[in-house]
Amino acid sequence: MKYLFYLSKQYSISIVAPLVIYLKETGREYAFYTSARVKNAIHEKHPEVKILGTIQEAKEFNPDYVLAPGNFVDFRIPGIKVQLFHGLGVEKPVHYRIRHFFDVFLTSGPYVTERFLEMQKKYKYFDVIETGWIKLDFILNYPQELIDAVKDVPKDKKLILYAPTFSTTMESATELMDTIHNEMQDDEYWFLKFHELMPQEQIAKFRDIDSSKARIITREDISPYLHLSDLMISDTSSVVYEFLALDKPVITYKTIGRTQKAHDITSPNQLRDAIDYCLSYPDELKKRRDVAMGEVNPYLDCKTAERIVNELEKLNPADYPKKHKPLNLIRKMQIIYHSIFRKGYLR
């Protein structure tokens, strides 16, 4: 069986890393089909892999499975189109949008699976398989030496990670910015991780923060900072669940759903008290964390890559696409447009 990873964003490299490792260890054939901007980053982390640069090369590779953590995949490539998901943003409506590219959705847990099974009844052409989200294998197995390699981390301070989403209807940076500036304590050190799609003018407002109190994280992979931090502050970002998987406290700001998963606040004036409470009693909300992860992603055994391969290889590529799959002509035309007029860019 042959596997093709379809990657359009640099942050997708860490998402699929556990699958790449498992396929390599088990002797299965795989390759990457990427945008030009992702190609160099892949070579840094996986110098040995085969990278396909054109749609013709991807077609000639003739994969059995095309694995995409993003929302789009090129329909012209043969093989079963598999949605891996790029995050655990299970509160966001976009997480459940069906764009009619995928034959199989690999869901993270019962809460998500139930939603997709309902849509499967409606559309009839795709399969839903619950395996867990693959990136959690990467996070939970993150090497200690790479965590220790992060430079200039104060050893005598509480470490707080602020990681907001970029969505204009869900972001917290606009309302929390001044409060965060004012509430940094001498016994705390803050990591600020902004989404690559967040407006630069918004990020610029944080650039004058005292470097002895905080730093802006510019690297793509947030994983070492998840491990280093004692507390996360966010909103409706999917990174909340990545931190909860490490069994540590989270403060959310006006999260749009599932408010019980963390310590949710609705006013900037509540932030300081919430920080003090979560740092003083980090296990107080453990039951909430356990319930949330049990519903959204109970698979914390670092065997998701193995589950995915085992489940996919039960499927016969000759059975796909199924007869009820829509023609999806407008979105297919968008894929072709990008491949012709925006070369080096993948949807």
Protein backbone atom coordinates (compact mmCIF):
# COMPACT_ATOMS: atom_id res chain seq x y z
CA MET A 1 0.00 0.00 0.00
CA LYS A 2 1.23 3.50 -0.87
CA TYR A 3 0.53 6.69 1.09
CA LEU A 4 0.70 10.29 -0.14
CA PHE A 5 0.72 13.21 2.30
CA TYR A 6 -0.96 16.29 0.83
CA LEU A 7 0.38 19.31 2.75
CA SER A 8 -0.29 22.98 2.06
CA LYS A 9 0.82 24.51 5.40
CA GLN A 10 4.09 24.25 7.33
CA TYR A 11 2.31 23.49 10.58
CA SER A 12 0.95 20.31 8.98
CA ILE A 13 4.41 18.74 9.11
CA SER A 14 4.22 18.13 12.85
CA ILE A 15 0.64 16.89 12.53
CA VAL A 16 1.60 14.01 10.21
CA ALA A 17 5.02 13.30 11.75
CA PRO A 18 3.88 10.26 13.80
CA LEU A 19 2.36 8.69 10.67
CA VAL A 20 5.54 9.31 8.69
CA ILE A 21 7.59 7.61 11.40
CA TYR A 22 5.21 4.65 11.61
CA LEU A 23 5.11 4.14 7.84
CA LYS A 24 8.90 4.26 7.72
CA GLU A 25 9.29 1.82 10.61
CA THR A 26 6.83 -0.65 9.08
CA GLY A 27 8.36 -0.49 5.61
CA ARG A 28 5.41 1.08 3.80
CA GLU A 29 5.92 3.35 0.82
CA TYR A 30 5.03 7.01 1.18
CA ALA A 31 5.70 10.41 -0.35
CA PHE A 32 4.79 14.07 0.08
CA TYR A 33 2.95 16.34 -2.34
CA THR A 34 3.41 19.88 -1.06
CA SER A 35 3.43 23.54 -1.85
CA ALA A 36 6.79 25.13 -2.58
CA ARG A 37 6.77 26.99 0.73
CA VAL A 38 6.43 23.74 2.66
CA LYS A 39 9.00 21.72 0.71
CA ASN A 40 12.11 23.11 2.38
CA ALA A 41 10.64 22.76 5.85
CA ILE A 42 9.89 19.08 5.19
CA HIS A 43 13.46 18.43 4.09
CA GLU A 44 14.69 19.88 7.38
CA LYS A 45 12.66 17.39 9.41
CA HIS A 46 12.48 14.43 7.00
CA PRO A 47 15.51 14.73 4.68
CA GLU A 48 15.06 11.22 3.34
CA VAL A 49 11.48 11.51 2.08
CA LYS A 50 10.30 11.64 -1.51
CA ILE A 51 8.69 14.99 -2.35
CA LEU A 52 6.54 15.30 -5.45
CA GLY A 53 6.37 18.74 -7.00
CA THR A 54 3.76 18.40 -9.75
CA ILE A 55 0.31 16.95 -10.12
CA GLN A 56 1.67 14.63 -12.80
CA GLU A 57 4.23 13.20 -10.39
CA ALA A 58 1.51 12.73 -7.79
CA LYS A 59 -0.66 10.87 -10.29
CA GLU A 60 2.24 8.68 -11.39
CA PHE A 61 3.00 7.80 -7.78
CA ASN A 62 -0.51 6.29 -7.80
CA PRO A 63 -1.17 6.22 -4.03
CA ASP A 64 -3.75 4.04 -2.38
CA TYR A 65 -4.40 6.71 0.26
CA VAL A 66 -4.08 10.51 0.07
CA LEU A 67 -3.77 11.93 3.59
CA ALA A 68 -4.65 15.60 4.10
CA PRO A 69 -4.69 17.51 7.41
CA GLY A 70 -6.15 20.52 5.59
CA ASN A 71 -9.59 21.20 4.15
CA PHE A 72 -8.76 20.57 0.50
CA VAL A 73 -7.17 17.85 -1.60
CA ASP A 74 -6.61 17.60 -5.34
CA PHE A 75 -9.30 15.34 -6.81
CA ARG A 76 -7.07 14.40 -9.76
CA ILE A 77 -4.77 12.31 -7.59
CA PRO A 78 -5.84 8.65 -7.39
CA GLY A 79 -6.50 6.93 -4.08
CA ILE A 80 -8.85 7.20 -1.12
CA LYS A 81 -8.95 10.81 0.07
CA VAL A 82 -8.55 10.86 3.85
CA GLN A 83 -9.22 13.85 6.12
CA LEU A 84 -6.84 13.89 9.11
CA PHE A 85 -7.93 17.36 10.36
CA HIS A 86 -5.55 20.20 11.20
CA GLY A 87 -6.77 20.67 14.76
CA LEU A 88 -9.25 19.86 17.50
CA GLY A 89 -11.39 22.95 17.00
CA VAL A 90 -14.49 20.94 17.70
CA GLU A 91 -16.55 23.95 18.82
CA LYS A 92 -16.08 25.72 15.51
CA PRO A 93 -18.74 25.12 12.83
CA VAL A 94 -16.02 24.99 10.15
CA HIS A 95 -14.74 21.75 11.74
CA TYR A 96 -17.86 20.02 10.40
CA ARG A 97 -18.07 21.60 6.96
CA ILE A 98 -18.33 19.00 4.21
CA ARG A 99 -16.55 20.16 1.06
CA HIS A 100 -17.05 16.88 -0.82
CA PHE A 101 -13.35 16.15 -1.34
CA PHE A 102 -12.91 13.36 1.19
CA ASP A 103 -13.92 9.70 1.14
CA VAL A 104 -12.95 9.02 4.76
CA PHE A 105 -13.01 11.21 7.87
CA LEU A 106 -10.76 10.07 10.73
CA THR A 107 -12.42 11.52 13.82
CA SER A 108 -10.81 12.25 17.16
CA GLY A 109 -13.43 11.01 19.62
CA PRO A 110 -17.12 10.32 20.35
CA TYR A 111 -18.22 13.98 20.35
CA VAL A 112 -16.87 14.53 16.83
CA THR A 113 -17.74 11.07 15.54
CA GLU A 114 -21.41 11.51 16.41
CA ARG A 115 -21.60 14.72 14.38
CA PHE A 116 -19.97 13.15 11.33
CA LEU A 117 -22.11 10.03 11.51
CA GLU A 118 -25.18 12.26 11.32
CA MET A 119 -23.80 13.87 8.18
CA GLN A 120 -22.88 10.46 6.78
CA LYS A 121 -26.57 9.53 6.90
CA LYS A 122 -27.33 12.60 4.81
CA TYR A 123 -24.57 12.34 2.20
CA LYS A 124 -24.05 8.56 2.13
CA TYR A 125 -20.75 8.52 0.24
CA PHE A 126 -18.06 8.83 2.93
CA ASP A 127 -16.90 6.67 5.82
CA VAL A 128 -16.31 7.83 9.39
CA ILE A 129 -13.65 6.06 11.44
CA GLU A 130 -12.73 7.05 14.99
CA THR A 131 -8.97 6.80 15.51
CA GLY A 132 -7.93 9.81 17.60
CA TRP A 133 -6.16 12.89 16.25
CA ILE A 134 -2.71 12.02 14.95
CA LYS A 135 -0.84 15.09 16.24
CA LEU A 136 -1.40 14.10 19.86
CA ASP A 137 1.02 11.21 19.29
CA PHE A 138 3.59 13.85 18.34
CA ILE A 139 2.86 16.05 21.36
CA LEU A 140 2.72 13.29 23.95
CA ASN A 141 5.92 11.70 22.62
CA TYR A 142 7.77 14.99 22.24
CA PRO A 143 11.46 14.41 23.11
CA GLN A 144 12.61 15.81 26.43
CA GLU A 145 15.90 16.93 24.92
CA LEU A 146 14.03 19.24 22.53
CA ILE A 147 12.08 20.72 25.43
CA ASP A 148 15.31 21.30 27.35
CA ALA A 149 16.85 22.90 24.25
CA VAL A 150 14.53 25.93 24.43
CA LYS A 151 16.84 28.73 25.50
CA ASP A 152 16.52 31.35 28.22
CA VAL A 153 13.57 29.85 30.05
CA PRO A 154 13.46 31.10 33.66
CA LYS A 155 13.70 28.21 36.10
CA ASP A 156 12.29 30.07 39.09
CA LYS A 157 9.10 31.46 37.53
CA LYS A 158 5.67 30.19 36.63
CA LEU A 159 5.41 29.84 32.85
CA ILE A 160 2.21 31.01 31.16
CA LEU A 161 1.38 30.38 27.49
CA TYR A 162 -1.04 32.70 25.71
CA ALA A 163 -2.18 31.12 22.43
CA PRO A 164 -5.28 32.78 20.94
CA THR A 165 -7.08 31.89 17.76
CA PHE A 166 -7.10 34.27 14.78
CA SER A 167 -10.81 34.12 13.88
CA THR A 168 -12.36 37.58 14.17
CA THR A 169 -15.49 36.19 15.81
CA MET A 170 -13.60 34.13 18.42
CA GLU A 171 -10.24 35.83 19.03
CA SER A 172 -9.40 37.20 22.47
CA ALA A 173 -6.31 39.31 21.74
CA THR A 174 -8.25 42.52 21.08
CA GLU A 175 -9.94 42.47 24.48
CA LEU A 176 -7.16 40.89 26.55
CA MET A 177 -4.14 42.74 25.16
CA ASP A 178 -4.07 45.63 27.62
CA THR A 179 -4.86 43.36 30.54
CA ILE A 180 -2.04 40.97 29.68
CA HIS A 181 0.37 43.90 29.45
CA ASN A 182 -0.65 45.06 32.92
CA GLU A 183 -1.03 41.71 34.68
CA MET A 184 2.40 40.17 34.09
CA GLN A 185 3.88 39.52 37.53
CA ASP A 186 7.56 39.42 38.51
CA ASP A 187 7.30 35.71 39.39
CA GLU A 188 5.81 34.83 35.96
CA TYR A 189 7.20 34.50 32.45
CA TRP A 190 4.88 34.52 29.43
CA PHE A 191 5.09 32.84 26.04
CA LEU A 192 2.94 34.48 23.36
CA LYS A 193 2.08 32.30 20.36
CA PHE A 194 0.02 33.91 17.62
CA HIS A 195 -1.59 32.09 14.72
CA GLU A 196 0.08 32.69 11.35
CA LEU A 197 -3.21 34.09 10.01
CA MET A 198 -3.60 36.69 12.78
CA PRO A 199 -3.36 40.26 11.42
CA GLN A 200 0.18 41.62 11.77
CA GLU A 201 -1.08 44.92 13.14
CA GLN A 202 -2.62 43.03 16.02
CA ILE A 203 0.58 41.14 16.78
CA ALA A 204 2.57 44.38 16.54
CA LYS A 205 0.81 45.67 19.64
CA PHE A 206 2.61 42.99 21.66
CA ARG A 207 6.09 43.60 20.28
CA ASP A 208 7.03 46.16 22.94
CA ILE A 209 6.50 43.70 25.78
CA ASP A 210 9.39 43.61 28.27
CA SER A 211 11.66 40.73 27.19
CA SER A 212 12.36 39.91 30.83
CA LYS A 213 8.67 39.13 31.26
CA ALA A 214 7.62 37.58 27.94
CA ARG A 215 8.57 36.56 24.42
CA ILE A 216 6.71 36.05 21.18
CA ILE A 217 7.13 32.52 19.80
CA THR A 218 7.85 32.61 16.09
CA ARG A 219 8.54 28.93 15.41
CA GLU A 220 5.79 26.89 13.77
CA ASP A 221 5.73 24.07 16.29
CA ILE A 222 4.31 25.04 19.65
CA SER A 223 4.92 21.62 21.24
CA PRO A 224 7.92 22.41 23.49
CA TYR A 225 6.06 25.38 24.93
CA LEU A 226 3.06 23.21 25.73
CA HIS A 227 5.34 21.05 27.83
CA LEU A 228 7.20 23.94 29.44
CA SER A 229 4.16 25.97 30.49
CA ASP A 230 2.30 25.61 33.75
CA LEU A 231 -0.85 27.31 32.46
CA MET A 232 -2.41 28.16 29.12
CA ILE A 233 -4.68 31.09 28.30
CA SER A 234 -6.68 30.90 25.08
CA ASP A 235 -10.20 31.25 23.70
CA THR A 236 -11.78 28.83 21.19
CA SER A 237 -8.47 27.72 19.70
CA SER A 238 -8.00 24.00 19.13
CA VAL A 239 -4.66 24.24 20.94
CA VAL A 240 -6.68 24.18 24.17
CA TYR A 241 -7.17 20.43 23.76
CA GLU A 242 -3.48 19.93 23.00
CA PHE A 243 -2.71 21.45 26.40
CA LEU A 244 -5.51 19.56 28.16
CA ALA A 245 -4.00 16.31 26.82
CA LEU A 246 -0.98 17.10 28.99
CA ASP A 247 -3.32 17.33 32.02
CA LYS A 248 -2.61 20.97 32.84
CA PRO A 249 -4.98 23.88 33.58
CA VAL A 250 -6.40 26.15 30.89
CA ILE A 251 -8.17 29.50 31.06
CA THR A 252 -10.49 30.20 28.12
CA TYR A 253 -11.90 33.61 27.23
CA LYS A 254 -15.49 33.66 25.98
CA THR A 255 -15.16 30.24 24.40
CA ILE A 256 -18.10 29.61 22.08
CA GLY A 257 -18.95 26.13 23.37
CA ARG A 258 -18.09 23.40 25.86
CA THR A 259 -17.29 26.01 28.50
CA GLN A 260 -16.84 23.32 31.16
CA LYS A 261 -13.64 21.98 29.61
CA ALA A 262 -11.58 24.71 31.30
CA HIS A 263 -11.82 27.79 33.51
CA ASP A 264 -13.83 30.10 31.27
CA ILE A 265 -13.94 33.84 31.88
CA THR A 266 -16.02 36.49 30.15
CA SER A 267 -14.32 39.74 31.18
CA PRO A 268 -10.69 40.91 31.16
CA ASN A 269 -11.18 41.93 34.80
CA GLN A 270 -11.48 38.23 35.69
CA LEU A 271 -8.13 37.25 34.22
CA ARG A 272 -5.85 37.89 37.20
CA ASP A 273 -8.02 35.99 39.66
CA ALA A 274 -8.31 33.11 37.19
CA ILE A 275 -4.52 32.95 36.77
CA ASP A 276 -3.93 32.95 40.51
CA TYR A 277 -6.54 30.26 41.06
CA CYS A 278 -5.27 27.92 38.33
CA LEU A 279 -1.64 28.30 39.35
CA SER A 280 -2.45 27.73 43.01
CA TYR A 281 -4.80 24.77 42.42
CA PRO A 282 -3.69 23.15 39.12
CA ASP A 283 -5.51 19.88 39.85
CA GLU A 284 -8.80 21.48 40.85
CA LEU A 285 -10.15 21.21 37.30
CA LYS A 286 -8.68 17.78 36.55
CA LYS A 287 -12.11 16.13 36.40
CA ARG A 288 -13.22 18.67 33.77
CA ARG A 289 -10.10 17.95 31.74
CA ASP A 290 -10.66 14.22 31.91
CA VAL A 291 -14.29 14.52 30.81
CA ALA A 292 -13.39 16.87 27.95
CA MET A 293 -10.64 14.64 26.60
CA GLY A 294 -12.81 11.54 27.02
CA GLU A 295 -15.37 13.10 24.71
CA VAL A 296 -13.13 14.88 22.21
CA ASN A 297 -10.01 12.68 22.07
CA PRO A 298 -9.73 9.77 24.52
CA TYR A 299 -6.84 8.17 22.61
CA LEU A 300 -3.78 9.24 24.60
CA ASP A 301 -1.86 5.98 24.20
CA CYS A 302 0.43 7.27 21.41
CA LYS A 303 -0.83 4.54 19.09
CA THR A 304 -3.00 6.65 16.81
CA ALA A 305 -0.66 6.21 13.83
CA GLU A 306 -0.93 2.45 14.14
CA ARG A 307 -4.73 2.65 14.45
CA ILE A 308 -4.99 4.83 11.36
CA VAL A 309 -2.93 2.48 9.19
CA ASN A 310 -4.76 -0.60 10.47
CA GLU A 311 -8.16 0.95 9.77
CA LEU A 312 -7.27 2.32 6.34
CA GLU A 313 -5.84 -0.95 5.14
CA LYS A 314 -9.17 -2.63 5.84
CA LEU A 315 -10.56 -0.48 3.02
CA ASN A 316 -10.33 -1.36 -0.65
CA PRO A 317 -9.26 1.62 -2.80
CA ALA A 318 -11.21 0.10 -5.70
CA ASP A 319 -14.44 0.83 -3.78
CA TYR A 320 -13.83 4.62 -3.88
CA PRO A 321 -15.14 7.09 -4.72
CA LYS A 322 -18.58 5.84 -3.82
CA LYS A 323 -21.45 6.45 -6.21
CA HIS A 324 -23.19 9.13 -4.14
CA LYS A 325 -20.14 11.43 -4.05
CA PRO A 326 -21.12 14.80 -5.61
CA LEU A 327 -19.42 16.10 -8.73
CA ASN A 328 -18.32 19.17 -6.75
CA LEU A 329 -17.51 21.06 -9.94
CA ILE A 330 -17.01 24.56 -8.54
CA ARG A 331 -14.49 23.47 -5.92
CA LYS A 332 -12.73 21.26 -8.45
CA MET A 333 -12.39 24.27 -10.73
CA GLN A 334 -10.84 26.18 -7.83
CA ILE A 335 -8.26 23.42 -7.39
CA ILE A 336 -7.38 23.55 -11.09
CA TYR A 337 -7.19 27.36 -11.02
CA HIS A 338 -4.70 27.30 -8.15
CA SER A 339 -2.57 24.64 -9.82
CA ILE A 340 -2.34 26.65 -13.07
CA PHE A 341 -2.26 30.29 -11.99
CA ARG A 342 -0.79 30.00 -8.49
CA LYS A 343 1.95 27.47 -9.08
CA GLY A 344 3.68 26.29 -5.94
CA TYR A 345 0.55 26.95 -3.88
CA LEU A 346 -1.83 24.21 -2.77
CA ARG A 347 -5.35 24.71 -1.58
